Structures are given as structure tokens and as C-alpha cells.
N, C-alpha and C. Protein backbone atom coordinates (compact mmCIF):
# COMPACT_ATOMS: atom_id res chain seq x y z
N VAL A 1 -32.74 -15.62 -38.70
CA VAL A 1 -31.86 -16.49 -37.94
C VAL A 1 -31.09 -17.39 -38.91
N LEU A 2 -29.89 -17.81 -38.47
CA LEU A 2 -29.11 -18.77 -39.25
C LEU A 2 -29.62 -20.16 -38.87
N VAL A 3 -30.08 -20.92 -39.85
CA VAL A 3 -30.72 -22.20 -39.58
C VAL A 3 -29.80 -23.34 -40.01
N ILE A 4 -29.68 -24.33 -39.12
CA ILE A 4 -28.90 -25.53 -39.40
C ILE A 4 -29.87 -26.70 -39.40
N GLY A 5 -29.77 -27.57 -40.39
CA GLY A 5 -30.67 -28.71 -40.52
C GLY A 5 -30.36 -29.79 -39.50
N GLU A 6 -31.23 -30.82 -39.47
CA GLU A 6 -31.06 -31.89 -38.47
C GLU A 6 -29.82 -32.73 -38.69
N ASP A 7 -29.32 -32.79 -39.92
CA ASP A 7 -28.09 -33.56 -40.16
C ASP A 7 -26.85 -32.66 -40.23
N GLY A 8 -26.96 -31.40 -39.81
CA GLY A 8 -25.80 -30.53 -39.67
C GLY A 8 -25.53 -29.60 -40.84
N GLU A 9 -26.31 -29.67 -41.94
CA GLU A 9 -26.03 -28.79 -43.07
C GLU A 9 -26.66 -27.42 -42.82
N LYS A 10 -25.97 -26.38 -43.34
CA LYS A 10 -26.48 -25.02 -43.20
C LYS A 10 -27.60 -24.80 -44.21
N LEU A 11 -28.72 -24.31 -43.69
CA LEU A 11 -29.84 -24.00 -44.58
C LEU A 11 -29.88 -22.51 -44.92
N GLY A 12 -29.03 -21.71 -44.26
CA GLY A 12 -28.92 -20.29 -44.57
C GLY A 12 -29.70 -19.41 -43.61
N ASP A 13 -29.69 -18.10 -43.90
CA ASP A 13 -30.42 -17.13 -43.09
C ASP A 13 -31.87 -17.13 -43.52
N LEU A 14 -32.76 -17.35 -42.57
CA LEU A 14 -34.19 -17.35 -42.84
C LEU A 14 -34.89 -16.47 -41.82
N ALA A 15 -36.08 -16.01 -42.21
CA ALA A 15 -36.91 -15.28 -41.24
C ALA A 15 -37.35 -16.28 -40.18
N LEU A 16 -37.60 -15.81 -38.97
CA LEU A 16 -37.97 -16.69 -37.87
C LEU A 16 -39.23 -17.48 -38.18
N THR A 17 -40.21 -16.85 -38.77
CA THR A 17 -41.47 -17.56 -39.09
C THR A 17 -41.22 -18.64 -40.14
N ASP A 18 -40.37 -18.35 -41.14
CA ASP A 18 -40.05 -19.35 -42.16
C ASP A 18 -39.31 -20.54 -41.54
N ALA A 19 -38.39 -20.26 -40.61
CA ALA A 19 -37.62 -21.32 -39.96
C ALA A 19 -38.55 -22.20 -39.12
N ARG A 20 -39.51 -21.57 -38.41
CA ARG A 20 -40.47 -22.36 -37.62
C ARG A 20 -41.34 -23.23 -38.52
N ARG A 21 -41.77 -22.68 -39.63
CA ARG A 21 -42.61 -23.43 -40.56
C ARG A 21 -41.84 -24.61 -41.14
N LEU A 22 -40.55 -24.38 -41.50
CA LEU A 22 -39.71 -25.44 -42.04
C LEU A 22 -39.55 -26.58 -41.02
N ALA A 23 -39.33 -26.22 -39.76
CA ALA A 23 -39.19 -27.23 -38.71
C ALA A 23 -40.49 -27.99 -38.51
N ALA A 24 -41.61 -27.27 -38.53
CA ALA A 24 -42.92 -27.91 -38.34
C ALA A 24 -43.23 -28.87 -39.51
N ASP A 25 -42.85 -28.46 -40.74
CA ASP A 25 -43.09 -29.33 -41.89
C ASP A 25 -42.33 -30.66 -41.76
N ARG A 26 -41.15 -30.61 -41.14
CA ARG A 26 -40.35 -31.82 -40.97
C ARG A 26 -40.75 -32.60 -39.70
N GLY A 27 -41.67 -32.04 -38.93
CA GLY A 27 -42.11 -32.70 -37.70
C GLY A 27 -41.11 -32.58 -36.57
N LEU A 28 -40.28 -31.53 -36.59
CA LEU A 28 -39.25 -31.33 -35.59
C LEU A 28 -39.41 -29.96 -34.94
N ASP A 29 -38.49 -29.61 -34.05
CA ASP A 29 -38.53 -28.34 -33.32
C ASP A 29 -37.39 -27.44 -33.78
N LEU A 30 -37.58 -26.14 -33.63
CA LEU A 30 -36.53 -25.15 -33.92
C LEU A 30 -35.94 -24.75 -32.57
N VAL A 31 -34.66 -25.06 -32.35
CA VAL A 31 -34.01 -24.82 -31.06
C VAL A 31 -32.89 -23.81 -31.25
N GLU A 32 -32.89 -22.77 -30.40
CA GLU A 32 -31.85 -21.75 -30.46
C GLU A 32 -30.59 -22.31 -29.81
N ILE A 33 -29.51 -22.36 -30.57
CA ILE A 33 -28.25 -22.93 -30.09
C ILE A 33 -27.33 -21.84 -29.56
N VAL A 34 -27.11 -20.78 -30.36
CA VAL A 34 -26.25 -19.67 -29.96
C VAL A 34 -27.08 -18.39 -30.04
N ALA A 35 -27.39 -17.81 -28.88
CA ALA A 35 -28.27 -16.65 -28.84
C ALA A 35 -27.52 -15.33 -29.02
N ASN A 36 -26.28 -15.27 -28.54
CA ASN A 36 -25.56 -13.98 -28.54
C ASN A 36 -24.84 -13.68 -29.84
N ARG A 37 -25.05 -14.46 -30.87
CA ARG A 37 -24.44 -14.22 -32.18
C ARG A 37 -25.43 -13.45 -33.05
N ASN A 38 -24.92 -12.71 -34.02
CA ASN A 38 -25.80 -11.95 -34.91
C ASN A 38 -25.66 -12.51 -36.31
N PRO A 39 -26.58 -13.14 -36.93
CA PRO A 39 -27.90 -13.51 -36.43
C PRO A 39 -27.81 -14.72 -35.51
N PRO A 40 -28.81 -14.91 -34.63
CA PRO A 40 -28.80 -16.07 -33.73
C PRO A 40 -28.80 -17.38 -34.54
N VAL A 41 -28.15 -18.41 -33.98
CA VAL A 41 -28.05 -19.70 -34.65
C VAL A 41 -29.11 -20.64 -34.07
N CYS A 42 -29.93 -21.21 -34.96
CA CYS A 42 -30.97 -22.15 -34.56
C CYS A 42 -30.76 -23.46 -35.31
N LYS A 43 -31.18 -24.55 -34.67
CA LYS A 43 -31.03 -25.86 -35.29
C LYS A 43 -32.38 -26.57 -35.28
N ILE A 44 -32.65 -27.26 -36.38
CA ILE A 44 -33.88 -28.04 -36.47
C ILE A 44 -33.56 -29.42 -35.89
N MET A 45 -34.28 -29.79 -34.82
CA MET A 45 -34.01 -31.07 -34.16
C MET A 45 -35.21 -31.49 -33.34
N ASN A 46 -35.17 -32.72 -32.85
CA ASN A 46 -36.17 -33.21 -31.92
C ASN A 46 -35.75 -32.75 -30.54
N TYR A 47 -36.47 -31.79 -29.96
CA TYR A 47 -36.06 -31.18 -28.71
C TYR A 47 -36.09 -32.19 -27.55
N GLY A 48 -37.08 -33.04 -27.49
CA GLY A 48 -37.16 -34.04 -26.43
C GLY A 48 -35.96 -34.97 -26.43
N ARG A 49 -35.55 -35.38 -27.62
CA ARG A 49 -34.38 -36.24 -27.76
C ARG A 49 -33.12 -35.51 -27.34
N PHE A 50 -33.03 -34.21 -27.69
CA PHE A 50 -31.89 -33.38 -27.34
C PHE A 50 -31.76 -33.27 -25.81
N VAL A 51 -32.87 -33.01 -25.13
CA VAL A 51 -32.85 -32.90 -23.67
C VAL A 51 -32.43 -34.23 -23.04
N TYR A 52 -32.94 -35.33 -23.57
CA TYR A 52 -32.60 -36.66 -23.07
C TYR A 52 -31.10 -36.92 -23.22
N GLN A 53 -30.54 -36.59 -24.39
CA GLN A 53 -29.11 -36.81 -24.62
C GLN A 53 -28.26 -35.95 -23.69
N GLN A 54 -28.70 -34.71 -23.45
CA GLN A 54 -27.95 -33.84 -22.54
C GLN A 54 -27.96 -34.40 -21.12
N SER A 55 -29.11 -34.93 -20.69
CA SER A 55 -29.17 -35.50 -19.34
C SER A 55 -28.29 -36.75 -19.24
N LYS A 56 -28.26 -37.57 -20.30
CA LYS A 56 -27.40 -38.75 -20.29
C LYS A 56 -25.92 -38.35 -20.24
N LYS A 57 -25.55 -37.29 -20.97
CA LYS A 57 -24.17 -36.82 -20.94
C LYS A 57 -23.79 -36.36 -19.54
N SER A 58 -24.69 -35.61 -18.89
CA SER A 58 -24.38 -35.12 -17.55
C SER A 58 -24.29 -36.29 -16.55
N GLN A 59 -25.13 -37.31 -16.72
CA GLN A 59 -25.04 -38.48 -15.85
C GLN A 59 -23.72 -39.22 -16.06
N ASP A 60 -23.30 -39.35 -17.31
CA ASP A 60 -22.04 -40.02 -17.59
C ASP A 60 -20.86 -39.26 -17.01
N SER A 61 -20.91 -37.93 -17.12
CA SER A 61 -19.80 -37.15 -16.57
C SER A 61 -19.79 -37.24 -15.04
N LYS A 62 -20.95 -37.34 -14.41
CA LYS A 62 -20.99 -37.51 -12.96
C LYS A 62 -20.45 -38.87 -12.55
N LYS A 63 -20.70 -39.90 -13.37
CA LYS A 63 -20.20 -41.24 -13.07
C LYS A 63 -18.68 -41.26 -13.03
N HIS A 64 -18.06 -40.53 -13.95
CA HIS A 64 -16.62 -40.59 -14.08
C HIS A 64 -15.88 -39.62 -13.18
N GLN A 65 -16.62 -38.82 -12.41
CA GLN A 65 -15.96 -37.91 -11.48
C GLN A 65 -15.52 -38.68 -10.25
N LYS A 66 -14.40 -38.27 -9.71
CA LYS A 66 -13.89 -38.92 -8.52
C LYS A 66 -14.66 -38.41 -7.31
N GLN A 67 -15.14 -39.32 -6.51
CA GLN A 67 -15.86 -38.96 -5.30
C GLN A 67 -14.88 -38.93 -4.14
N ASN A 68 -14.65 -37.75 -3.58
CA ASN A 68 -13.77 -37.64 -2.43
C ASN A 68 -14.54 -38.02 -1.18
N GLN A 69 -13.97 -38.93 -0.45
CA GLN A 69 -14.59 -39.31 0.81
C GLN A 69 -13.74 -38.79 1.94
N VAL A 70 -14.41 -38.36 3.00
CA VAL A 70 -13.72 -37.95 4.20
C VAL A 70 -13.98 -39.04 5.24
N LYS A 71 -12.93 -39.73 5.61
CA LYS A 71 -13.03 -40.77 6.64
C LYS A 71 -12.81 -40.12 7.99
N GLU A 72 -13.48 -40.61 9.00
CA GLU A 72 -13.35 -40.01 10.33
C GLU A 72 -12.78 -41.02 11.31
N VAL A 73 -11.82 -40.56 12.11
CA VAL A 73 -11.24 -41.36 13.17
C VAL A 73 -11.39 -40.56 14.45
N LYS A 74 -12.03 -41.18 15.46
CA LYS A 74 -12.31 -40.47 16.72
C LYS A 74 -11.34 -40.91 17.81
N PHE A 75 -10.87 -39.93 18.56
CA PHE A 75 -10.00 -40.14 19.70
C PHE A 75 -10.72 -39.63 20.95
N ARG A 76 -10.36 -40.17 22.09
CA ARG A 76 -10.73 -39.58 23.38
C ARG A 76 -9.44 -39.02 23.97
N ILE A 77 -9.56 -38.07 24.89
CA ILE A 77 -8.31 -37.53 25.44
C ILE A 77 -7.64 -38.53 26.37
N ILE A 78 -8.43 -39.45 26.90
CA ILE A 78 -7.85 -40.53 27.70
C ILE A 78 -7.82 -41.76 26.79
N ILE A 79 -6.65 -42.01 26.20
CA ILE A 79 -6.53 -43.11 25.24
C ILE A 79 -5.21 -43.81 25.48
N GLY A 80 -5.23 -45.12 25.41
CA GLY A 80 -4.01 -45.90 25.61
C GLY A 80 -3.08 -45.80 24.41
N GLN A 81 -1.81 -46.12 24.63
CA GLN A 81 -0.81 -46.02 23.57
C GLN A 81 -1.14 -46.96 22.41
N HIS A 82 -1.55 -48.19 22.74
CA HIS A 82 -1.85 -49.16 21.69
C HIS A 82 -3.05 -48.71 20.87
N ASP A 83 -4.08 -48.18 21.56
CA ASP A 83 -5.27 -47.70 20.86
C ASP A 83 -4.91 -46.53 19.94
N ARG A 84 -4.05 -45.65 20.44
CA ARG A 84 -3.63 -44.51 19.63
C ARG A 84 -2.84 -44.99 18.41
N ALA A 85 -1.98 -45.99 18.59
CA ALA A 85 -1.20 -46.53 17.47
C ALA A 85 -2.12 -47.16 16.44
N THR A 86 -3.16 -47.86 16.90
CA THR A 86 -4.11 -48.48 15.98
C THR A 86 -4.83 -47.42 15.17
N LYS A 87 -5.25 -46.36 15.82
CA LYS A 87 -5.96 -45.28 15.12
C LYS A 87 -5.02 -44.56 14.14
N MET A 88 -3.74 -44.44 14.50
CA MET A 88 -2.77 -43.83 13.59
C MET A 88 -2.59 -44.69 12.34
N LYS A 89 -2.58 -46.03 12.52
CA LYS A 89 -2.48 -46.92 11.37
C LYS A 89 -3.70 -46.79 10.47
N GLN A 90 -4.88 -46.62 11.08
CA GLN A 90 -6.10 -46.42 10.30
C GLN A 90 -5.99 -45.16 9.47
N ILE A 91 -5.52 -44.08 10.10
CA ILE A 91 -5.38 -42.80 9.39
C ILE A 91 -4.40 -42.96 8.23
N GLU A 92 -3.26 -43.62 8.48
CA GLU A 92 -2.27 -43.84 7.42
C GLU A 92 -2.88 -44.64 6.27
N ARG A 93 -3.65 -45.68 6.58
CA ARG A 93 -4.26 -46.50 5.54
C ARG A 93 -5.23 -45.67 4.70
N PHE A 94 -6.05 -44.85 5.36
CA PHE A 94 -6.99 -44.00 4.63
C PHE A 94 -6.25 -43.02 3.73
N LEU A 95 -5.18 -42.43 4.23
CA LEU A 95 -4.40 -41.47 3.43
C LEU A 95 -3.74 -42.17 2.24
N HIS A 96 -3.24 -43.39 2.45
CA HIS A 96 -2.62 -44.14 1.35
C HIS A 96 -3.64 -44.58 0.31
N GLU A 97 -4.92 -44.64 0.69
CA GLU A 97 -5.97 -44.93 -0.28
C GLU A 97 -6.41 -43.67 -1.01
N GLY A 98 -5.89 -42.50 -0.59
CA GLY A 98 -6.21 -41.25 -1.26
C GLY A 98 -7.36 -40.47 -0.63
N HIS A 99 -7.86 -40.91 0.51
CA HIS A 99 -8.98 -40.23 1.17
C HIS A 99 -8.48 -39.13 2.09
N LYS A 100 -9.36 -38.15 2.34
CA LYS A 100 -9.10 -37.18 3.39
C LYS A 100 -9.54 -37.81 4.70
N VAL A 101 -8.96 -37.36 5.81
CA VAL A 101 -9.27 -37.94 7.11
C VAL A 101 -9.62 -36.82 8.08
N LYS A 102 -10.70 -37.01 8.79
CA LYS A 102 -11.10 -36.07 9.84
C LYS A 102 -10.75 -36.72 11.17
N ALA A 103 -9.77 -36.15 11.86
CA ALA A 103 -9.38 -36.64 13.17
C ALA A 103 -10.17 -35.83 14.20
N THR A 104 -10.97 -36.52 15.00
CA THR A 104 -11.86 -35.86 15.95
C THR A 104 -11.49 -36.27 17.36
N ILE A 105 -11.39 -35.28 18.23
CA ILE A 105 -11.20 -35.53 19.65
C ILE A 105 -12.57 -35.36 20.30
N TRP A 106 -13.00 -36.40 20.98
CA TRP A 106 -14.32 -36.39 21.58
C TRP A 106 -14.18 -36.19 23.09
N PHE A 107 -14.74 -35.09 23.58
CA PHE A 107 -14.73 -34.79 25.01
C PHE A 107 -16.05 -35.29 25.59
N LYS A 108 -15.99 -36.42 26.29
CA LYS A 108 -17.21 -37.05 26.78
C LYS A 108 -17.76 -36.33 28.00
N ARG A 109 -16.89 -35.93 28.89
CA ARG A 109 -17.35 -35.33 30.15
C ARG A 109 -17.02 -33.84 30.17
N ALA A 110 -17.73 -33.12 31.01
CA ALA A 110 -17.53 -31.67 31.11
C ALA A 110 -16.12 -31.34 31.60
N ARG A 111 -15.60 -32.16 32.51
CA ARG A 111 -14.25 -31.88 33.02
C ARG A 111 -13.21 -32.09 31.92
N GLU A 112 -13.52 -32.95 30.93
CA GLU A 112 -12.60 -33.13 29.81
C GLU A 112 -12.63 -31.90 28.91
N ARG A 113 -13.80 -31.29 28.75
CA ARG A 113 -13.91 -30.10 27.90
C ARG A 113 -13.09 -28.94 28.46
N SER A 114 -12.91 -28.93 29.76
CA SER A 114 -12.12 -27.85 30.36
C SER A 114 -10.62 -28.06 30.13
N ARG A 115 -10.21 -29.24 29.68
CA ARG A 115 -8.80 -29.56 29.42
C ARG A 115 -8.53 -29.61 27.93
N ARG A 116 -8.84 -28.54 27.24
CA ARG A 116 -8.69 -28.47 25.80
C ARG A 116 -7.25 -28.71 25.33
N GLU A 117 -6.29 -28.34 26.16
CA GLU A 117 -4.89 -28.50 25.77
C GLU A 117 -4.52 -29.96 25.55
N LEU A 118 -5.21 -30.89 26.23
CA LEU A 118 -4.95 -32.31 25.99
C LEU A 118 -5.39 -32.71 24.59
N GLY A 119 -6.51 -32.18 24.13
CA GLY A 119 -6.97 -32.44 22.76
C GLY A 119 -6.01 -31.84 21.75
N ASP A 120 -5.54 -30.61 22.03
CA ASP A 120 -4.56 -29.97 21.15
C ASP A 120 -3.29 -30.81 21.05
N ARG A 121 -2.86 -31.37 22.18
CA ARG A 121 -1.65 -32.17 22.21
C ARG A 121 -1.80 -33.42 21.33
N ILE A 122 -2.97 -34.06 21.40
CA ILE A 122 -3.20 -35.26 20.58
C ILE A 122 -3.19 -34.89 19.10
N LEU A 123 -3.88 -33.80 18.72
CA LEU A 123 -3.90 -33.40 17.32
C LEU A 123 -2.51 -32.98 16.83
N ASP A 124 -1.74 -32.33 17.70
CA ASP A 124 -0.36 -31.97 17.33
C ASP A 124 0.49 -33.22 17.11
N ASP A 125 0.29 -34.24 17.96
CA ASP A 125 1.01 -35.50 17.81
C ASP A 125 0.65 -36.18 16.49
N VAL A 126 -0.63 -36.19 16.15
CA VAL A 126 -1.08 -36.78 14.89
C VAL A 126 -0.44 -36.05 13.72
N THR A 127 -0.44 -34.72 13.78
CA THR A 127 0.15 -33.91 12.71
C THR A 127 1.65 -34.19 12.57
N ALA A 128 2.35 -34.28 13.70
CA ALA A 128 3.80 -34.50 13.65
C ALA A 128 4.13 -35.88 13.09
N ARG A 129 3.37 -36.91 13.51
CA ARG A 129 3.66 -38.26 13.05
C ARG A 129 3.36 -38.46 11.56
N LEU A 130 2.39 -37.72 11.05
CA LEU A 130 1.98 -37.90 9.65
C LEU A 130 2.46 -36.77 8.75
N ALA A 131 3.45 -36.01 9.18
CA ALA A 131 3.90 -34.84 8.43
C ALA A 131 4.38 -35.18 7.02
N GLU A 132 4.95 -36.38 6.83
CA GLU A 132 5.48 -36.75 5.52
C GLU A 132 4.39 -37.10 4.52
N ILE A 133 3.26 -37.62 4.99
CA ILE A 133 2.23 -38.07 4.05
C ILE A 133 0.94 -37.26 4.10
N ALA A 134 0.83 -36.31 5.05
CA ALA A 134 -0.42 -35.56 5.17
C ALA A 134 -0.16 -34.10 5.46
N THR A 135 -1.09 -33.27 4.99
CA THR A 135 -1.07 -31.86 5.31
C THR A 135 -2.37 -31.52 6.04
N VAL A 136 -2.30 -30.57 6.93
CA VAL A 136 -3.49 -30.16 7.67
C VAL A 136 -4.28 -29.22 6.78
N GLU A 137 -5.48 -29.63 6.43
CA GLU A 137 -6.32 -28.82 5.56
C GLU A 137 -7.10 -27.80 6.37
N SER A 138 -7.61 -28.21 7.52
CA SER A 138 -8.29 -27.26 8.40
C SER A 138 -8.24 -27.78 9.82
N ARG A 139 -8.12 -26.85 10.71
CA ARG A 139 -8.11 -27.19 12.14
C ARG A 139 -9.16 -26.31 12.79
N SER A 140 -10.12 -26.94 13.41
CA SER A 140 -11.23 -26.17 13.96
C SER A 140 -11.15 -26.09 15.48
N SER A 141 -11.94 -25.21 16.00
CA SER A 141 -12.01 -25.09 17.45
C SER A 141 -13.05 -26.09 17.96
N ILE A 142 -13.35 -26.03 19.23
CA ILE A 142 -14.32 -26.96 19.80
C ILE A 142 -15.72 -26.60 19.31
N VAL A 143 -16.41 -27.60 18.77
CA VAL A 143 -17.80 -27.45 18.37
C VAL A 143 -18.58 -28.46 19.20
N GLY A 144 -19.36 -27.97 20.12
CA GLY A 144 -20.07 -28.86 21.03
C GLY A 144 -19.06 -29.55 21.93
N ASN A 145 -19.03 -30.86 21.88
CA ASN A 145 -18.06 -31.59 22.70
C ASN A 145 -17.00 -32.27 21.83
N GLN A 146 -16.71 -31.68 20.66
CA GLN A 146 -15.72 -32.26 19.76
C GLN A 146 -14.76 -31.21 19.23
N MET A 147 -13.53 -31.64 19.02
CA MET A 147 -12.51 -30.82 18.37
C MET A 147 -12.03 -31.64 17.18
N SER A 148 -11.89 -31.02 16.03
CA SER A 148 -11.52 -31.83 14.87
C SER A 148 -10.48 -31.14 14.00
N MET A 149 -9.89 -31.95 13.13
CA MET A 149 -8.88 -31.49 12.19
C MET A 149 -9.03 -32.35 10.94
N ILE A 150 -8.90 -31.74 9.76
CA ILE A 150 -9.00 -32.50 8.52
C ILE A 150 -7.61 -32.59 7.90
N LEU A 151 -7.21 -33.83 7.61
CA LEU A 151 -5.92 -34.10 6.98
C LEU A 151 -6.15 -34.54 5.55
N ALA A 152 -5.29 -34.07 4.66
CA ALA A 152 -5.36 -34.47 3.25
C ALA A 152 -4.02 -35.07 2.87
N PRO A 153 -4.03 -36.06 1.97
CA PRO A 153 -2.75 -36.63 1.53
C PRO A 153 -1.92 -35.58 0.80
N THR A 154 -0.60 -35.66 0.94
CA THR A 154 0.27 -34.71 0.26
C THR A 154 0.26 -34.97 -1.24
N ARG A 155 0.67 -33.99 -2.00
CA ARG A 155 0.73 -34.15 -3.46
C ARG A 155 1.68 -35.27 -3.86
N ARG A 156 2.77 -35.36 -3.12
CA ARG A 156 3.75 -36.40 -3.42
C ARG A 156 3.14 -37.78 -3.23
N LEU A 157 2.37 -37.96 -2.17
CA LEU A 157 1.70 -39.24 -1.93
C LEU A 157 0.66 -39.52 -3.00
N LEU A 158 -0.12 -38.50 -3.37
CA LEU A 158 -1.14 -38.69 -4.41
C LEU A 158 -0.50 -39.05 -5.75
N GLU A 159 0.63 -38.42 -6.07
CA GLU A 159 1.33 -38.73 -7.32
C GLU A 159 1.84 -40.16 -7.30
N ALA A 160 2.39 -40.59 -6.16
CA ALA A 160 2.86 -41.97 -6.04
C ALA A 160 1.70 -42.95 -6.18
N LEU A 161 0.54 -42.63 -5.61
CA LEU A 161 -0.65 -43.49 -5.75
C LEU A 161 -1.10 -43.57 -7.20
N ARG A 162 -1.08 -42.44 -7.90
CA ARG A 162 -1.50 -42.41 -9.30
C ARG A 162 -0.58 -43.29 -10.15
N ILE A 163 0.72 -43.18 -9.93
CA ILE A 163 1.69 -43.98 -10.67
C ILE A 163 1.50 -45.47 -10.36
N GLU A 164 1.29 -45.79 -9.09
CA GLU A 164 1.10 -47.18 -8.68
C GLU A 164 -0.16 -47.77 -9.33
N ARG A 165 -1.25 -47.00 -9.36
CA ARG A 165 -2.48 -47.48 -9.97
C ARG A 165 -2.32 -47.67 -11.47
N ALA A 166 -1.57 -46.76 -12.12
CA ALA A 166 -1.34 -46.88 -13.56
C ALA A 166 -0.53 -48.12 -13.88
N GLU A 167 0.49 -48.40 -13.07
CA GLU A 167 1.30 -49.60 -13.28
C GLU A 167 0.47 -50.86 -13.06
N LYS A 168 -0.38 -50.82 -12.05
CA LYS A 168 -1.23 -51.98 -11.77
C LYS A 168 -2.21 -52.22 -12.91
N ALA A 169 -2.76 -51.15 -13.47
CA ALA A 169 -3.70 -51.28 -14.58
C ALA A 169 -3.01 -51.84 -15.82
N GLU A 170 -1.74 -51.47 -16.03
CA GLU A 170 -0.99 -51.99 -17.18
C GLU A 170 -0.71 -53.48 -17.04
N THR A 171 -0.38 -53.92 -15.84
CA THR A 171 -0.02 -55.32 -15.63
C THR A 171 -1.24 -56.20 -15.45
N GLU A 172 -2.34 -55.61 -15.03
CA GLU A 172 -3.55 -56.39 -14.80
C GLU A 172 -4.18 -56.78 -16.12
N GLU A 173 -4.50 -58.04 -16.26
CA GLU A 173 -5.05 -58.54 -17.51
C GLU A 173 -6.52 -58.89 -17.29
N ASP A 174 -7.28 -58.78 -18.35
CA ASP A 174 -8.69 -59.15 -18.30
C ASP A 174 -8.80 -60.63 -17.95
N PRO A 175 -9.60 -61.02 -16.95
CA PRO A 175 -9.66 -62.44 -16.54
C PRO A 175 -10.16 -63.36 -17.65
N HIS A 176 -11.03 -62.88 -18.51
CA HIS A 176 -11.53 -63.72 -19.61
C HIS A 176 -10.42 -64.02 -20.61
N VAL A 177 -9.59 -63.02 -20.90
CA VAL A 177 -8.48 -63.23 -21.83
C VAL A 177 -7.48 -64.21 -21.23
N ALA A 178 -7.20 -64.05 -19.92
CA ALA A 178 -6.26 -64.95 -19.27
C ALA A 178 -6.78 -66.39 -19.28
N ARG A 179 -8.07 -66.58 -19.03
CA ARG A 179 -8.66 -67.92 -19.03
C ARG A 179 -8.57 -68.54 -20.43
N THR A 180 -8.82 -67.75 -21.47
CA THR A 180 -8.72 -68.25 -22.84
C THR A 180 -7.30 -68.65 -23.17
N ARG A 181 -6.34 -67.84 -22.75
CA ARG A 181 -4.93 -68.16 -23.02
C ARG A 181 -4.54 -69.46 -22.33
N ARG A 182 -4.98 -69.63 -21.07
CA ARG A 182 -4.67 -70.87 -20.37
C ARG A 182 -5.29 -72.08 -21.09
N ALA A 183 -6.52 -71.92 -21.55
CA ALA A 183 -7.19 -73.02 -22.25
C ALA A 183 -6.44 -73.36 -23.55
N LEU A 184 -5.95 -72.36 -24.25
CA LEU A 184 -5.20 -72.61 -25.49
C LEU A 184 -3.88 -73.31 -25.21
N ARG A 185 -3.23 -72.92 -24.10
CA ARG A 185 -1.97 -73.55 -23.74
C ARG A 185 -2.20 -75.03 -23.41
N VAL A 186 -3.27 -75.31 -22.68
CA VAL A 186 -3.57 -76.69 -22.31
C VAL A 186 -3.87 -77.51 -23.56
N ALA A 187 -4.66 -76.93 -24.49
CA ALA A 187 -5.03 -77.64 -25.71
C ALA A 187 -3.81 -77.88 -26.59
N ALA A 188 -2.90 -76.92 -26.63
CA ALA A 188 -1.71 -77.04 -27.48
C ALA A 188 -0.69 -77.99 -26.87
N GLY A 189 -0.61 -78.05 -25.56
CA GLY A 189 0.44 -78.84 -24.92
C GLY A 189 -0.03 -80.14 -24.47
């Protein structure tokens, strides 16, 4: 196997038993790094420490991933105009924050379930009103006593949000730095 030392230097091609003995003499482990190469590449290292560092790297990468949230807004087929307008504003706010939105029509009574076209009409109205800022990601049929649709912000809206956040980050100053600058101005003036 091709052996690499703990500080990254090449120790050369060694027999597997010699490489294991060398690692044991140093109080470390022999870890296979690249198996499909001829000869396989092994590194002398502390395996426990290596596993710990890998887990920390994966945790850090998970921290920095964006968590997509799906917000849900529920409608009834019998809904007042003002209530519908309020729910539309909620959906718009969620979309402007970059979230996906699940618009659900809730059929409370059995006689409402038989009037599916009223639910379709509400979802069509939501789609038409939000056509500029949202796209329909999926539209499902009735599941139990609910009909739902998932809306996602358009690419144009997401790009505008990204630009807005970048500009805000550029203009936003660290509060500690701002406090220090104010203190210096007061002391100087």
C-alpha cells in the first residue's frame, strides 16, 4: 500500500504488515483513504479523531444549509371576502419571505365535500391573484376532507429577495462597531 504519514508526507509503498507495524509503533491507526487505486492509499492517523472531525464537518454543513419551510394557510369554502383577503395577504407575506405555502381547503361537512367545484374555484382564485409572485408546485385531489395546493415563490421573486438581503447585509453594521464609533465621536467633539 502507498502510505502517507500523519503530517502528510509520503512514506512510500510498503507491505500491509509493515504499514500496520509502523502505525502501531507511532501509537496511531492505519486508515485506508483511497481503496480503488492501485496500490491502495493508506494514511497513518488517529482514527477516533478523524471520525470526530468528519462528524463536526457534517454538522457544520447541516447548519449552513437553508431550511425550506412550508407554511400552511387554511380556507373553508364558505369564507367572507375580508377573511379571504386577510389569508391572501398572509400567503403573499410568506412568499415574500421565501417560503413555500400550502393552501388548504377544508371541507368541514359532508355536504361541503360534495361541492368540490367550490374548493377548485377558491384555489383557482388564489392562483390567479398570485400569478406574478408564485407558481403552483403541486395541486392535489381531495385527501380525506381537505384539498390542497403548494405554491412556491417565482425565481424572479427569489432573485429580488436575494439582492435585497445582500444590500441589507452590506449596509448593516455591527452594533458594537457602531457603538464604539459613537463613543469616539462624543469624546472627540
